[in-house]
Structure formats: structure tokens, C-alpha cells
Amino acid sequence: MPTLETPYSILNEIVRDVLAKSGRSTSAEIQLMPFDPRVLGFVKAGQNVIYVNTIPLKSIGSDKVKEYLYVVILHEYFHVLGIADEREVRRMTVEMVSEKFGEDSYAHRLSMSLADPRDVTLINSWKHGKPLSYM
């Protein structure tokens, strides 16, 4: 399991990445703790603390911990920035993770598995040159 230094270094990297892409940033803190294993992380409304669940984190191989934490912390950081819409946050996470790690990465597969199925269909349609869209 990573030390608290690892999540904080990843958070710092995320703050830089989001600032470079969107021009927005805010301060945030990380809290590692066990809770319902179906939840990877969360943020309480109006707070800047990102809670990362240590239960699923323990099952992640050491070679994938950085990408796992990047996906979870990035997702919650978008909420800290004030983006409440869960579907939009998941879509934005897929977009940034794909750009940073590539589509063959564990981070991309994880973010796609958490994305709304409608967005997964749209993203996959763009790859095949036949983009679908909603009217």
C-alpha cells in the first residue's frame, strides 16, 4: 500500500495537469481510509478533502497503483473544482486519462469501466470513423 506521499505527489501532478488543460485549480487534501469497497473515493459537498478507499487500493498491484490513484483522485478533484454532474466528471476523467496514459493503459481501462455506457459507446464509435451522436 502506498504511503501518503504517493497520493499527494499524484494530487500535485493532477493539479498541474488540470490547470494546464482548463486554467482552473484549487487546493485539495487527501485522506486514505477504509469504507464501503464499492466506492473508490468521494468528496463531501463543500469540502476540499478527497477520501480514497484503502480497501480496493490494497488489491491493486504495485505496478498499477500510480494509474489507479491518478484515476480516482482526478475524478474526485473535478468534484472539488465544483463539477457536480457525475456523468460529466466520468467523461472528463476518461478524456484526460486517455491523453496522459494512452488507450492501452490500465488507467484508460479503469476510467472506461467507470464511465457511463452511453459515453463508452460514443467514444468507441469515434475510433472507428463512424461517430455517433445524440440529437
N, C-alpha and C. Protein backbone atom coordinates (compact mmCIF):
# COMPACT_ATOMS: atom_id res chain seq x y z
N MET A 1 0.84 -1.17 0.00
CA MET A 1 0.00 0.00 0.00
C MET A 1 0.89 1.24 0.00
N PRO A 2 0.49 2.26 -0.75
CA PRO A 2 1.34 3.45 -0.84
C PRO A 2 1.34 4.25 0.46
N THR A 3 2.42 4.99 0.64
CA THR A 3 2.45 5.92 1.76
C THR A 3 1.62 7.13 1.36
N LEU A 4 1.34 8.01 2.29
CA LEU A 4 0.55 9.20 1.98
C LEU A 4 1.28 10.10 1.00
N GLU A 5 2.62 9.97 0.93
CA GLU A 5 3.39 10.76 -0.02
C GLU A 5 2.98 10.48 -1.47
N THR A 6 2.71 9.23 -1.79
CA THR A 6 2.33 8.86 -3.15
C THR A 6 1.04 9.55 -3.60
N PRO A 7 -0.06 9.45 -2.84
CA PRO A 7 -1.28 10.16 -3.27
C PRO A 7 -1.08 11.67 -3.37
N TYR A 8 -0.29 12.25 -2.46
CA TYR A 8 -0.07 13.70 -2.54
C TYR A 8 0.75 14.08 -3.77
N SER A 9 1.73 13.27 -4.13
CA SER A 9 2.50 13.59 -5.34
C SER A 9 1.61 13.45 -6.58
N ILE A 10 0.71 12.47 -6.56
CA ILE A 10 -0.23 12.31 -7.68
C ILE A 10 -1.21 13.48 -7.70
N LEU A 11 -1.70 13.90 -6.55
CA LEU A 11 -2.59 15.06 -6.50
C LEU A 11 -1.89 16.29 -7.07
N ASN A 12 -0.63 16.51 -6.71
CA ASN A 12 0.11 17.66 -7.25
C ASN A 12 0.23 17.57 -8.76
N GLU A 13 0.47 16.37 -9.27
CA GLU A 13 0.54 16.16 -10.72
C GLU A 13 -0.82 16.46 -11.37
N ILE A 14 -1.89 16.03 -10.75
CA ILE A 14 -3.25 16.28 -11.26
C ILE A 14 -3.55 17.77 -11.27
N VAL A 15 -3.20 18.46 -10.20
CA VAL A 15 -3.45 19.91 -10.14
C VAL A 15 -2.74 20.60 -11.31
N ARG A 16 -1.49 20.21 -11.59
CA ARG A 16 -0.75 20.79 -12.71
C ARG A 16 -1.41 20.44 -14.05
N ASP A 17 -1.81 19.17 -14.21
CA ASP A 17 -2.42 18.72 -15.47
C ASP A 17 -3.74 19.43 -15.74
N VAL A 18 -4.59 19.54 -14.72
CA VAL A 18 -5.90 20.19 -14.89
C VAL A 18 -5.71 21.68 -15.13
N LEU A 19 -4.79 22.30 -14.42
CA LEU A 19 -4.52 23.72 -14.63
C LEU A 19 -4.05 23.98 -16.05
N ALA A 20 -3.18 23.12 -16.56
CA ALA A 20 -2.67 23.28 -17.92
C ALA A 20 -3.78 23.11 -18.96
N LYS A 21 -4.70 22.20 -18.70
CA LYS A 21 -5.76 21.91 -19.67
C LYS A 21 -6.92 22.90 -19.59
N SER A 22 -7.29 23.29 -18.36
CA SER A 22 -8.52 24.08 -18.19
C SER A 22 -8.29 25.48 -17.63
N GLY A 23 -7.11 25.71 -17.09
CA GLY A 23 -6.86 27.01 -16.47
C GLY A 23 -7.46 27.13 -15.09
N ARG A 24 -7.96 26.03 -14.53
CA ARG A 24 -8.59 26.04 -13.21
C ARG A 24 -7.80 25.20 -12.23
N SER A 25 -7.77 25.66 -10.98
CA SER A 25 -7.17 24.84 -9.92
C SER A 25 -7.75 25.27 -8.58
N THR A 26 -7.58 24.43 -7.60
CA THR A 26 -7.97 24.73 -6.23
C THR A 26 -7.14 23.86 -5.32
N SER A 27 -7.15 24.17 -4.05
CA SER A 27 -6.40 23.33 -3.11
C SER A 27 -7.25 22.13 -2.72
N ALA A 28 -6.59 21.04 -2.43
CA ALA A 28 -7.27 19.83 -2.00
C ALA A 28 -6.35 19.04 -1.10
N GLU A 29 -6.94 18.19 -0.29
CA GLU A 29 -6.20 17.31 0.60
C GLU A 29 -6.61 15.87 0.32
N ILE A 30 -5.78 14.94 0.74
CA ILE A 30 -6.05 13.51 0.57
C ILE A 30 -6.20 12.87 1.94
N GLN A 31 -7.19 12.01 2.06
CA GLN A 31 -7.38 11.22 3.27
C GLN A 31 -7.55 9.76 2.84
N LEU A 32 -6.64 8.89 3.26
CA LEU A 32 -6.76 7.46 2.98
C LEU A 32 -7.49 6.81 4.15
N MET A 33 -8.55 6.05 3.83
CA MET A 33 -9.30 5.38 4.89
C MET A 33 -10.16 4.27 4.30
N PRO A 34 -10.49 3.25 5.09
CA PRO A 34 -11.35 2.19 4.59
C PRO A 34 -12.83 2.58 4.72
N PHE A 35 -13.60 2.25 3.69
CA PHE A 35 -15.05 2.40 3.74
C PHE A 35 -15.65 1.43 2.73
N ASP A 36 -16.90 1.56 2.41
CA ASP A 36 -17.60 0.63 1.52
C ASP A 36 -16.75 0.33 0.29
N PRO A 37 -16.34 -0.93 0.07
CA PRO A 37 -15.43 -1.25 -1.03
C PRO A 37 -16.02 -1.02 -2.42
N ARG A 38 -17.32 -0.78 -2.52
CA ARG A 38 -17.91 -0.47 -3.83
C ARG A 38 -17.61 0.97 -4.24
N VAL A 39 -17.12 1.78 -3.31
CA VAL A 39 -16.81 3.19 -3.56
C VAL A 39 -15.29 3.36 -3.55
N LEU A 40 -14.74 3.89 -4.64
CA LEU A 40 -13.29 4.05 -4.72
C LEU A 40 -12.81 5.32 -4.02
N GLY A 41 -13.65 6.35 -4.05
CA GLY A 41 -13.31 7.61 -3.42
C GLY A 41 -14.52 8.50 -3.39
N PHE A 42 -14.45 9.57 -2.60
CA PHE A 42 -15.55 10.53 -2.56
C PHE A 42 -15.07 11.84 -1.99
N VAL A 43 -15.89 12.86 -2.18
CA VAL A 43 -15.68 14.18 -1.63
C VAL A 43 -16.98 14.60 -0.97
N LYS A 44 -16.91 15.14 0.23
CA LYS A 44 -18.11 15.67 0.88
C LYS A 44 -18.40 17.04 0.29
N ALA A 45 -19.67 17.31 0.07
CA ALA A 45 -20.08 18.59 -0.54
C ALA A 45 -19.51 19.77 0.26
N GLY A 46 -18.93 20.70 -0.47
CA GLY A 46 -18.41 21.92 0.14
C GLY A 46 -17.06 21.76 0.80
N GLN A 47 -16.45 20.59 0.70
CA GLN A 47 -15.14 20.37 1.31
C GLN A 47 -14.08 20.14 0.22
N ASN A 48 -12.84 20.24 0.61
CA ASN A 48 -11.76 20.01 -0.35
C ASN A 48 -10.91 18.79 0.02
N VAL A 49 -11.49 17.88 0.79
CA VAL A 49 -10.80 16.66 1.17
C VAL A 49 -11.27 15.54 0.25
N ILE A 50 -10.31 14.87 -0.40
CA ILE A 50 -10.58 13.72 -1.25
C ILE A 50 -10.32 12.48 -0.42
N TYR A 51 -11.37 11.70 -0.19
CA TYR A 51 -11.26 10.45 0.57
C TYR A 51 -11.01 9.31 -0.42
N VAL A 52 -9.92 8.59 -0.23
CA VAL A 52 -9.57 7.46 -1.09
C VAL A 52 -9.71 6.19 -0.25
N ASN A 53 -10.45 5.23 -0.78
CA ASN A 53 -10.74 3.99 -0.08
C ASN A 53 -9.54 3.06 -0.12
N THR A 54 -9.07 2.65 1.06
CA THR A 54 -7.90 1.77 1.14
C THR A 54 -8.26 0.30 0.88
N ILE A 55 -9.52 -0.07 0.97
CA ILE A 55 -9.90 -1.48 0.77
C ILE A 55 -9.64 -1.92 -0.67
N PRO A 56 -10.23 -1.26 -1.69
CA PRO A 56 -9.89 -1.68 -3.06
C PRO A 56 -8.44 -1.37 -3.43
N LEU A 57 -7.88 -0.35 -2.83
CA LEU A 57 -6.50 0.04 -3.12
C LEU A 57 -5.53 -1.08 -2.78
N LYS A 58 -5.81 -1.83 -1.72
CA LYS A 58 -4.93 -2.94 -1.30
C LYS A 58 -4.82 -4.03 -2.35
N SER A 59 -5.85 -4.17 -3.19
CA SER A 59 -5.85 -5.24 -4.18
C SER A 59 -5.19 -4.85 -5.50
N ILE A 60 -4.72 -3.61 -5.61
CA ILE A 60 -4.10 -3.12 -6.84
C ILE A 60 -2.61 -3.46 -6.82
N GLY A 61 -2.14 -4.05 -7.90
CA GLY A 61 -0.72 -4.38 -8.00
C GLY A 61 0.15 -3.14 -7.95
N SER A 62 1.35 -3.29 -7.43
CA SER A 62 2.24 -2.14 -7.25
C SER A 62 2.55 -1.45 -8.58
N ASP A 63 2.51 -2.20 -9.68
CA ASP A 63 2.79 -1.61 -10.99
C ASP A 63 1.62 -0.77 -11.51
N LYS A 64 0.46 -0.88 -10.87
CA LYS A 64 -0.72 -0.15 -11.32
C LYS A 64 -1.20 0.90 -10.33
N VAL A 65 -0.57 1.00 -9.17
CA VAL A 65 -1.04 1.90 -8.12
C VAL A 65 -1.08 3.35 -8.59
N LYS A 66 -0.04 3.80 -9.26
CA LYS A 66 0.00 5.21 -9.70
C LYS A 66 -1.17 5.52 -10.64
N GLU A 67 -1.41 4.65 -11.61
CA GLU A 67 -2.50 4.90 -12.55
C GLU A 67 -3.86 4.80 -11.86
N TYR A 68 -4.01 3.85 -10.96
CA TYR A 68 -5.25 3.71 -10.20
C TYR A 68 -5.53 4.98 -9.40
N LEU A 69 -4.53 5.42 -8.64
CA LEU A 69 -4.70 6.62 -7.83
C LEU A 69 -4.94 7.85 -8.71
N TYR A 70 -4.29 7.92 -9.84
CA TYR A 70 -4.50 9.06 -10.74
C TYR A 70 -5.97 9.13 -11.16
N VAL A 71 -6.55 8.00 -11.55
CA VAL A 71 -7.95 7.98 -11.99
C VAL A 71 -8.88 8.39 -10.84
N VAL A 72 -8.70 7.78 -9.68
CA VAL A 72 -9.60 8.05 -8.55
C VAL A 72 -9.47 9.50 -8.08
N ILE A 73 -8.24 9.96 -7.91
CA ILE A 73 -8.03 11.31 -7.40
C ILE A 73 -8.45 12.36 -8.44
N LEU A 74 -8.16 12.13 -9.72
CA LEU A 74 -8.59 13.07 -10.76
C LEU A 74 -10.10 13.21 -10.75
N HIS A 75 -10.81 12.10 -10.70
CA HIS A 75 -12.27 12.12 -10.68
C HIS A 75 -12.78 12.98 -9.51
N GLU A 76 -12.25 12.72 -8.34
CA GLU A 76 -12.71 13.47 -7.16
C GLU A 76 -12.25 14.93 -7.20
N TYR A 77 -11.09 15.18 -7.79
CA TYR A 77 -10.61 16.56 -7.90
C TYR A 77 -11.56 17.39 -8.77
N PHE A 78 -12.11 16.80 -9.82
CA PHE A 78 -13.11 17.51 -10.62
C PHE A 78 -14.31 17.92 -9.75
N HIS A 79 -14.71 17.04 -8.83
CA HIS A 79 -15.80 17.40 -7.92
C HIS A 79 -15.38 18.55 -7.00
N VAL A 80 -14.15 18.51 -6.50
CA VAL A 80 -13.65 19.60 -5.64
C VAL A 80 -13.69 20.92 -6.41
N LEU A 81 -13.42 20.87 -7.71
CA LEU A 81 -13.47 22.08 -8.54
C LEU A 81 -14.89 22.61 -8.71
N GLY A 82 -15.88 21.81 -8.30
CA GLY A 82 -17.26 22.27 -8.36
C GLY A 82 -18.10 21.63 -9.44
N ILE A 83 -17.56 20.63 -10.11
CA ILE A 83 -18.33 19.94 -11.15
C ILE A 83 -19.09 18.81 -10.47
N ALA A 84 -20.39 18.96 -10.36
CA ALA A 84 -21.21 18.01 -9.61
C ALA A 84 -21.73 16.87 -10.48
N ASP A 85 -21.92 17.11 -11.77
CA ASP A 85 -22.51 16.12 -12.66
C ASP A 85 -21.61 14.90 -12.79
N GLU A 86 -22.06 13.77 -12.26
CA GLU A 86 -21.24 12.55 -12.23
C GLU A 86 -20.88 12.05 -13.62
N ARG A 87 -21.84 12.07 -14.53
CA ARG A 87 -21.55 11.59 -15.89
C ARG A 87 -20.49 12.46 -16.56
N GLU A 88 -20.59 13.77 -16.39
CA GLU A 88 -19.62 14.68 -17.00
C GLU A 88 -18.23 14.47 -16.39
N VAL A 89 -18.16 14.29 -15.08
CA VAL A 89 -16.88 14.06 -14.42
C VAL A 89 -16.25 12.77 -14.93
N ARG A 90 -17.04 11.73 -15.10
CA ARG A 90 -16.51 10.46 -15.61
C ARG A 90 -16.02 10.61 -17.05
N ARG A 91 -16.75 11.36 -17.86
CA ARG A 91 -16.34 11.59 -19.25
C ARG A 91 -15.04 12.39 -19.29
N MET A 92 -14.95 13.43 -18.47
CA MET A 92 -13.74 14.25 -18.42
C MET A 92 -12.54 13.44 -17.93
N THR A 93 -12.78 12.54 -16.99
CA THR A 93 -11.71 11.68 -16.48
C THR A 93 -11.18 10.78 -17.59
N VAL A 94 -12.09 10.16 -18.35
CA VAL A 94 -11.66 9.32 -19.48
C VAL A 94 -10.81 10.14 -20.45
N GLU A 95 -11.26 11.33 -20.77
CA GLU A 95 -10.56 12.17 -21.74
C GLU A 95 -9.14 12.50 -21.27
N MET A 96 -9.01 12.96 -20.03
CA MET A 96 -7.67 13.34 -19.54
C MET A 96 -6.77 12.13 -19.36
N VAL A 97 -7.32 11.04 -18.87
CA VAL A 97 -6.53 9.83 -18.64
C VAL A 97 -6.03 9.26 -19.97
N SER A 98 -6.90 9.27 -20.98
CA SER A 98 -6.50 8.75 -22.30
C SER A 98 -5.37 9.58 -22.89
N GLU A 99 -5.46 10.90 -22.74
CA GLU A 99 -4.41 11.78 -23.26
C GLU A 99 -3.09 11.56 -22.52
N LYS A 100 -3.16 11.35 -21.22
CA LYS A 100 -1.95 11.24 -20.41
C LYS A 100 -1.30 9.86 -20.50
N PHE A 101 -2.09 8.81 -20.40
CA PHE A 101 -1.55 7.45 -20.30
C PHE A 101 -1.70 6.63 -21.58
N GLY A 102 -2.56 7.06 -22.49
CA GLY A 102 -2.80 6.29 -23.71
C GLY A 102 -3.92 5.29 -23.54
N GLU A 103 -4.45 4.84 -24.67
CA GLU A 103 -5.61 3.97 -24.64
C GLU A 103 -5.29 2.52 -24.31
N ASP A 104 -4.02 2.16 -24.27
CA ASP A 104 -3.63 0.80 -23.91
C ASP A 104 -3.30 0.67 -22.43
N SER A 105 -3.47 1.72 -21.68
CA SER A 105 -3.05 1.73 -20.27
C SER A 105 -4.13 1.17 -19.34
N TYR A 106 -3.67 0.76 -18.18
CA TYR A 106 -4.59 0.34 -17.12
C TYR A 106 -5.50 1.50 -16.72
N ALA A 107 -4.94 2.70 -16.64
CA ALA A 107 -5.72 3.89 -16.25
C ALA A 107 -6.88 4.11 -17.22
N HIS A 108 -6.62 3.95 -18.51
CA HIS A 108 -7.69 4.12 -19.51
C HIS A 108 -8.77 3.05 -19.33
N ARG A 109 -8.36 1.81 -19.17
CA ARG A 109 -9.34 0.73 -18.98
C ARG A 109 -10.17 0.96 -17.73
N LEU A 110 -9.53 1.39 -16.65
CA LEU A 110 -10.26 1.67 -15.41
C LEU A 110 -11.25 2.81 -15.60
N SER A 111 -10.80 3.90 -16.19
CA SER A 111 -11.70 5.05 -16.37
C SER A 111 -12.86 4.71 -17.31
N MET A 112 -12.60 3.89 -18.33
CA MET A 112 -13.69 3.46 -19.23
C MET A 112 -14.67 2.56 -18.50
N SER A 113 -14.19 1.72 -17.59
CA SER A 113 -15.08 0.83 -16.85
C SER A 113 -15.98 1.61 -15.89
N LEU A 114 -15.56 2.81 -15.52
CA LEU A 114 -16.35 3.65 -14.61
C LEU A 114 -17.24 4.63 -15.35
N ALA A 115 -17.03 4.79 -16.65
CA ALA A 115 -17.78 5.77 -17.44
C ALA A 115 -19.20 5.29 -17.72
N ASP A 116 -20.05 6.25 -18.03
CA ASP A 116 -21.42 5.95 -18.42
C ASP A 116 -21.39 5.13 -19.72
N PRO A 117 -22.16 4.05 -19.81
CA PRO A 117 -22.15 3.22 -21.02
C PRO A 117 -22.46 3.99 -22.31
N ARG A 118 -23.28 5.03 -22.21
CA ARG A 118 -23.57 5.84 -23.41
C ARG A 118 -22.32 6.55 -23.89
N ASP A 119 -21.51 7.02 -22.95
CA ASP A 119 -20.28 7.71 -23.34
C ASP A 119 -19.24 6.72 -23.87
N VAL A 120 -19.21 5.52 -23.31
CA VAL A 120 -18.31 4.49 -23.82
C VAL A 120 -18.66 4.18 -25.28
N THR A 121 -19.95 4.06 -25.58
CA THR A 121 -20.39 3.80 -26.95
C THR A 121 -19.96 4.93 -27.87
N LEU A 122 -20.14 6.17 -27.44
CA LEU A 122 -19.73 7.31 -28.25
C LEU A 122 -18.22 7.33 -28.47
N ILE A 123 -17.47 7.13 -27.41
CA ILE A 123 -16.01 7.15 -27.51
C ILE A 123 -15.53 6.06 -28.47
N ASN A 124 -16.09 4.87 -28.33
CA ASN A 124 -15.69 3.77 -29.22
C ASN A 124 -16.10 4.03 -30.66
N SER A 125 -17.23 4.71 -30.87
CA SER A 125 -17.66 4.99 -32.25
C SER A 125 -16.70 5.96 -32.94
N TRP A 126 -16.11 6.87 -32.20
CA TRP A 126 -15.17 7.83 -32.78
C TRP A 126 -13.92 7.11 -33.28
N LYS A 127 -13.52 6.03 -32.61
CA LYS A 127 -12.32 5.28 -33.01
C LYS A 127 -12.47 4.63 -34.37
N HIS A 128 -13.70 4.28 -34.72
CA HIS A 128 -13.94 3.54 -35.95
C HIS A 128 -14.36 4.43 -37.11
N GLY A 129 -14.24 5.74 -36.92
CA GLY A 129 -14.54 6.66 -38.01
C GLY A 129 -16.02 6.83 -38.30
N LYS A 130 -16.85 6.30 -37.43
CA LYS A 130 -18.31 6.43 -37.60
C LYS A 130 -18.89 7.01 -36.31
N PRO A 131 -18.59 8.28 -36.05
CA PRO A 131 -19.05 8.83 -34.77
C PRO A 131 -20.57 8.88 -34.67
N LEU A 132 -21.04 8.40 -33.56
CA LEU A 132 -22.46 8.50 -33.24
C LEU A 132 -22.67 9.82 -32.49
N SER A 133 -23.85 10.30 -32.50
CA SER A 133 -24.15 11.50 -31.71
C SER A 133 -25.59 11.40 -31.24
N TYR A 134 -25.88 12.17 -30.21
CA TYR A 134 -27.25 12.23 -29.71
C TYR A 134 -27.90 13.47 -30.26
N MET A 135 -29.16 13.37 -30.62
CA MET A 135 -29.91 14.52 -31.13
C MET A 135 -30.75 15.07 -30.03
